N, C-alpha and C. Protein backbone atom coordinates (compact mmCIF):
# COMPACT_ATOMS: atom_id res chain seq x y z
N MET A 1 109.40 106.80 85.60
CA MET A 1 110.34 106.38 86.63
C MET A 1 110.80 107.59 87.44
N PRO A 2 110.82 107.47 88.77
CA PRO A 2 111.24 108.59 89.61
C PRO A 2 112.68 109.03 89.29
N GLN A 3 112.88 110.33 89.23
CA GLN A 3 114.20 110.85 88.86
C GLN A 3 115.05 111.24 90.07
N THR A 4 114.44 111.88 91.06
CA THR A 4 115.21 112.35 92.20
C THR A 4 115.16 111.34 93.34
N LYS A 5 116.07 111.54 94.28
CA LYS A 5 116.11 110.65 95.45
C LYS A 5 114.81 110.73 96.25
N ILE A 6 114.25 111.92 96.34
CA ILE A 6 113.01 112.09 97.10
C ILE A 6 111.85 111.39 96.39
N GLU A 7 111.80 111.46 95.07
CA GLU A 7 110.75 110.77 94.32
C GLU A 7 110.90 109.26 94.47
N GLN A 8 112.13 108.77 94.44
CA GLN A 8 112.37 107.35 94.63
C GLN A 8 111.93 106.91 96.02
N PHE A 9 112.28 107.72 97.02
CA PHE A 9 111.89 107.41 98.39
C PHE A 9 110.37 107.39 98.54
N ARG A 10 109.70 108.36 97.98
CA ARG A 10 108.24 108.42 98.07
C ARG A 10 107.59 107.19 97.43
N LEU A 11 108.11 106.77 96.27
CA LEU A 11 107.55 105.59 95.60
C LEU A 11 107.76 104.34 96.44
N ILE A 12 108.97 104.15 96.94
CA ILE A 12 109.26 102.97 97.76
C ILE A 12 108.44 103.01 99.04
N ALA A 13 108.26 104.19 99.63
CA ALA A 13 107.46 104.32 100.85
C ALA A 13 106.01 103.89 100.59
N LYS A 14 105.46 104.28 99.44
CA LYS A 14 104.09 103.88 99.11
C LYS A 14 103.99 102.36 98.97
N ILE A 15 104.91 101.78 98.24
CA ILE A 15 104.88 100.33 98.01
C ILE A 15 105.09 99.58 99.32
N GLU A 16 106.02 100.05 100.14
CA GLU A 16 106.28 99.41 101.44
C GLU A 16 105.06 99.53 102.34
N GLY A 17 104.39 100.67 102.31
CA GLY A 17 103.19 100.86 103.10
C GLY A 17 102.07 99.91 102.69
N ILE A 18 101.93 99.72 101.39
CA ILE A 18 100.92 98.78 100.88
C ILE A 18 101.25 97.36 101.32
N SER A 19 102.53 96.99 101.23
CA SER A 19 102.92 95.63 101.63
C SER A 19 102.67 95.40 103.12
N PHE A 20 102.89 96.44 103.94
CA PHE A 20 102.64 96.34 105.38
C PHE A 20 101.15 96.12 105.66
N LEU A 21 100.30 96.86 104.95
CA LEU A 21 98.86 96.70 105.12
C LEU A 21 98.39 95.32 104.65
N LEU A 22 98.96 94.83 103.55
CA LEU A 22 98.62 93.49 103.07
C LEU A 22 99.01 92.44 104.11
N LEU A 23 100.18 92.63 104.70
CA LEU A 23 100.63 91.69 105.72
C LEU A 23 99.71 91.71 106.94
N LEU A 24 99.39 92.90 107.41
CA LEU A 24 98.58 93.02 108.63
C LEU A 24 97.12 92.62 108.45
N PHE A 25 96.53 93.04 107.33
CA PHE A 25 95.08 92.92 107.19
C PHE A 25 94.61 91.81 106.26
N ILE A 26 95.54 91.18 105.57
CA ILE A 26 95.14 90.04 104.72
C ILE A 26 95.92 88.78 105.10
N ALA A 27 97.25 88.87 105.05
CA ALA A 27 98.06 87.66 105.28
C ALA A 27 97.93 87.13 106.70
N MET A 28 98.01 88.02 107.69
CA MET A 28 97.93 87.54 109.08
C MET A 28 96.55 87.00 109.43
N PRO A 29 95.45 87.64 109.02
CA PRO A 29 94.15 87.01 109.26
C PRO A 29 94.00 85.66 108.56
N LEU A 30 94.58 85.54 107.36
CA LEU A 30 94.53 84.24 106.68
C LEU A 30 95.25 83.18 107.50
N LYS A 31 96.38 83.56 108.08
CA LYS A 31 97.14 82.61 108.88
C LYS A 31 96.40 82.23 110.16
N TYR A 32 95.95 83.23 110.91
CA TYR A 32 95.41 82.96 112.23
C TYR A 32 93.92 82.62 112.26
N MET A 33 93.18 83.04 111.24
CA MET A 33 91.75 82.74 111.23
C MET A 33 91.39 81.59 110.30
N MET A 34 92.17 81.46 109.24
CA MET A 34 91.85 80.44 108.24
C MET A 34 92.87 79.29 108.22
N GLY A 35 93.95 79.42 108.97
CA GLY A 35 94.96 78.37 109.00
C GLY A 35 95.79 78.27 107.74
N ILE A 36 96.03 79.40 107.07
CA ILE A 36 96.81 79.42 105.83
C ILE A 36 98.10 80.22 106.08
N PRO A 37 99.15 79.58 106.59
CA PRO A 37 100.37 80.31 106.94
C PRO A 37 101.21 80.74 105.74
N GLU A 38 100.96 80.17 104.58
CA GLU A 38 101.77 80.50 103.39
C GLU A 38 101.67 81.98 103.02
N ALA A 39 100.52 82.59 103.27
CA ALA A 39 100.34 84.00 102.92
C ALA A 39 101.33 84.86 103.69
N VAL A 40 101.54 84.58 104.96
CA VAL A 40 102.48 85.36 105.76
C VAL A 40 103.91 85.14 105.27
N LYS A 41 104.23 83.93 104.88
CA LYS A 41 105.58 83.66 104.37
C LYS A 41 105.87 84.49 103.13
N VAL A 42 104.95 84.50 102.20
CA VAL A 42 105.17 85.21 100.93
C VAL A 42 105.13 86.73 101.13
N VAL A 43 104.05 87.20 101.72
CA VAL A 43 103.90 88.65 101.91
C VAL A 43 104.93 89.17 102.92
N GLY A 44 105.21 88.40 103.93
CA GLY A 44 106.21 88.80 104.93
C GLY A 44 107.59 88.96 104.33
N MET A 45 107.97 88.05 103.46
CA MET A 45 109.28 88.14 102.80
C MET A 45 109.33 89.37 101.90
N ALA A 46 108.28 89.58 101.12
CA ALA A 46 108.23 90.75 100.24
C ALA A 46 108.29 92.04 101.07
N HIS A 47 107.54 92.07 102.16
CA HIS A 47 107.54 93.27 103.00
C HIS A 47 108.92 93.50 103.62
N GLY A 48 109.57 92.44 104.04
CA GLY A 48 110.91 92.57 104.62
C GLY A 48 111.90 93.17 103.63
N ILE A 49 111.86 92.70 102.41
CA ILE A 49 112.74 93.24 101.37
C ILE A 49 112.40 94.70 101.10
N LEU A 50 111.11 95.00 101.00
CA LEU A 50 110.69 96.38 100.76
C LEU A 50 111.06 97.30 101.93
N PHE A 51 111.01 96.78 103.15
CA PHE A 51 111.39 97.59 104.30
C PHE A 51 112.88 97.94 104.25
N ILE A 52 113.71 97.00 103.86
CA ILE A 52 115.14 97.27 103.70
C ILE A 52 115.36 98.31 102.60
N LEU A 53 114.64 98.18 101.49
CA LEU A 53 114.73 99.18 100.43
C LEU A 53 114.25 100.55 100.91
N PHE A 54 113.20 100.56 101.73
CA PHE A 54 112.70 101.80 102.32
C PHE A 54 113.81 102.48 103.13
N LEU A 55 114.48 101.72 103.99
CA LEU A 55 115.54 102.30 104.83
C LEU A 55 116.68 102.83 103.98
N TYR A 56 117.05 102.10 102.95
CA TYR A 56 118.11 102.56 102.04
C TYR A 56 117.69 103.83 101.32
N ALA A 57 116.48 103.85 100.79
CA ALA A 57 115.98 105.03 100.07
C ALA A 57 115.86 106.21 101.02
N GLN A 58 115.47 105.96 102.27
CA GLN A 58 115.40 107.03 103.26
C GLN A 58 116.79 107.61 103.50
N LEU A 59 117.78 106.76 103.65
CA LEU A 59 119.15 107.22 103.86
C LEU A 59 119.63 108.06 102.69
N MET A 60 119.40 107.58 101.48
CA MET A 60 119.85 108.30 100.29
C MET A 60 119.14 109.66 100.16
N ALA A 61 117.84 109.68 100.40
CA ALA A 61 117.08 110.93 100.33
C ALA A 61 117.52 111.88 101.44
N SER A 62 117.77 111.34 102.62
CA SER A 62 118.18 112.16 103.75
C SER A 62 119.53 112.83 103.48
N ILE A 63 120.45 112.09 102.93
CA ILE A 63 121.76 112.65 102.59
C ILE A 63 121.60 113.72 101.51
N ASN A 64 120.82 113.40 100.50
CA ASN A 64 120.63 114.31 99.37
C ASN A 64 119.90 115.59 99.77
N GLU A 65 118.87 115.45 100.61
CA GLU A 65 118.03 116.58 101.01
C GLU A 65 118.51 117.25 102.30
N LYS A 66 119.53 116.67 102.94
CA LYS A 66 120.08 117.19 104.20
C LYS A 66 119.01 117.31 105.29
N TRP A 67 118.25 116.22 105.45
CA TRP A 67 117.25 116.17 106.51
C TRP A 67 117.98 116.10 107.85
N GLY A 68 117.33 116.57 108.87
CA GLY A 68 117.89 116.46 110.21
C GLY A 68 117.53 115.12 110.82
N ILE A 69 118.14 114.84 111.94
CA ILE A 69 117.92 113.56 112.62
C ILE A 69 116.46 113.43 113.09
N LYS A 70 115.83 114.54 113.45
CA LYS A 70 114.44 114.49 113.89
C LYS A 70 113.53 113.96 112.78
N PHE A 71 113.71 114.48 111.57
CA PHE A 71 112.87 114.02 110.46
C PHE A 71 113.18 112.57 110.11
N ASP A 72 114.45 112.19 110.17
CA ASP A 72 114.81 110.79 109.89
C ASP A 72 114.16 109.84 110.89
N ILE A 73 114.18 110.22 112.16
CA ILE A 73 113.54 109.39 113.19
C ILE A 73 112.04 109.33 112.96
N LEU A 74 111.43 110.47 112.65
CA LEU A 74 110.00 110.50 112.36
C LEU A 74 109.65 109.58 111.20
N ALA A 75 110.42 109.65 110.12
CA ALA A 75 110.17 108.80 108.95
C ALA A 75 110.28 107.33 109.32
N PHE A 76 111.28 106.98 110.11
CA PHE A 76 111.44 105.59 110.53
C PHE A 76 110.27 105.13 111.39
N VAL A 77 109.88 105.94 112.37
CA VAL A 77 108.77 105.58 113.26
C VAL A 77 107.49 105.44 112.46
N LEU A 78 107.25 106.34 111.51
CA LEU A 78 106.04 106.25 110.69
C LEU A 78 106.02 104.97 109.86
N SER A 79 107.18 104.45 109.51
CA SER A 79 107.21 103.20 108.73
C SER A 79 106.77 102.00 109.56
N LEU A 80 106.77 102.15 110.87
CA LEU A 80 106.37 101.06 111.77
C LEU A 80 104.89 101.08 112.12
N ILE A 81 104.20 102.14 111.72
CA ILE A 81 102.79 102.33 112.06
C ILE A 81 101.95 102.09 110.81
N PRO A 82 100.87 101.30 110.92
CA PRO A 82 100.00 101.13 109.75
C PRO A 82 99.53 102.49 109.22
N PHE A 83 99.57 102.67 107.93
CA PHE A 83 99.21 103.90 107.22
C PHE A 83 100.23 105.02 107.44
N GLY A 84 101.28 104.78 108.20
CA GLY A 84 102.26 105.81 108.50
C GLY A 84 103.02 106.31 107.29
N THR A 85 103.35 105.42 106.37
CA THR A 85 104.10 105.86 105.18
C THR A 85 103.25 106.75 104.29
N PHE A 86 101.93 106.58 104.34
CA PHE A 86 101.06 107.44 103.55
C PHE A 86 101.02 108.86 104.15
N TYR A 87 101.04 108.93 105.47
CA TYR A 87 101.13 110.23 106.14
C TYR A 87 102.49 110.87 105.83
N LEU A 88 103.54 110.07 105.84
CA LEU A 88 104.88 110.56 105.51
C LEU A 88 104.90 111.14 104.11
N ASN A 89 104.29 110.46 103.18
CA ASN A 89 104.21 110.96 101.80
C ASN A 89 103.53 112.31 101.75
N LYS A 90 102.45 112.45 102.52
CA LYS A 90 101.73 113.72 102.58
C LYS A 90 102.64 114.82 103.13
N ARG A 91 103.39 114.50 104.17
CA ARG A 91 104.33 115.48 104.76
C ARG A 91 105.40 115.87 103.76
N LEU A 92 105.90 114.90 103.01
CA LEU A 92 106.94 115.19 102.02
C LEU A 92 106.41 116.09 100.92
N LEU A 93 105.19 115.85 100.49
CA LEU A 93 104.58 116.71 99.46
C LEU A 93 104.37 118.13 99.99
N ALA A 94 103.99 118.24 101.25
CA ALA A 94 103.77 119.56 101.86
C ALA A 94 105.06 120.37 101.95
N ARG A 95 106.18 119.67 102.02
CA ARG A 95 107.48 120.35 102.08
C ARG A 95 107.97 120.74 100.68
N ASN A 96 107.13 120.44 99.67
CA ASN A 96 107.43 120.81 98.28
C ASN A 96 108.70 120.16 97.73
N PHE A 97 108.86 118.89 98.03
CA PHE A 97 110.01 118.16 97.46
C PHE A 97 109.67 117.70 96.06
């Protein structure tokens, strides 16, 4: 189990990123190509909850690590881009957190 705020944030970012990819590349094609809207309802709800957890974990890590507003904005924008949270994780590791 992650011990520090940054480790918690990194874990939630990975899970949220996976849920975003599932929503975009599996659930939405199922809905629009196969006529199965239930996938978007289930995965979309899970992703929404994970996104809220991501924002909370980002806030807690930012306060704890004293990130600047630029990095906070970058982290938020990356969460809106497919594969962005994985790049964010790489950046966080490079900063030796």
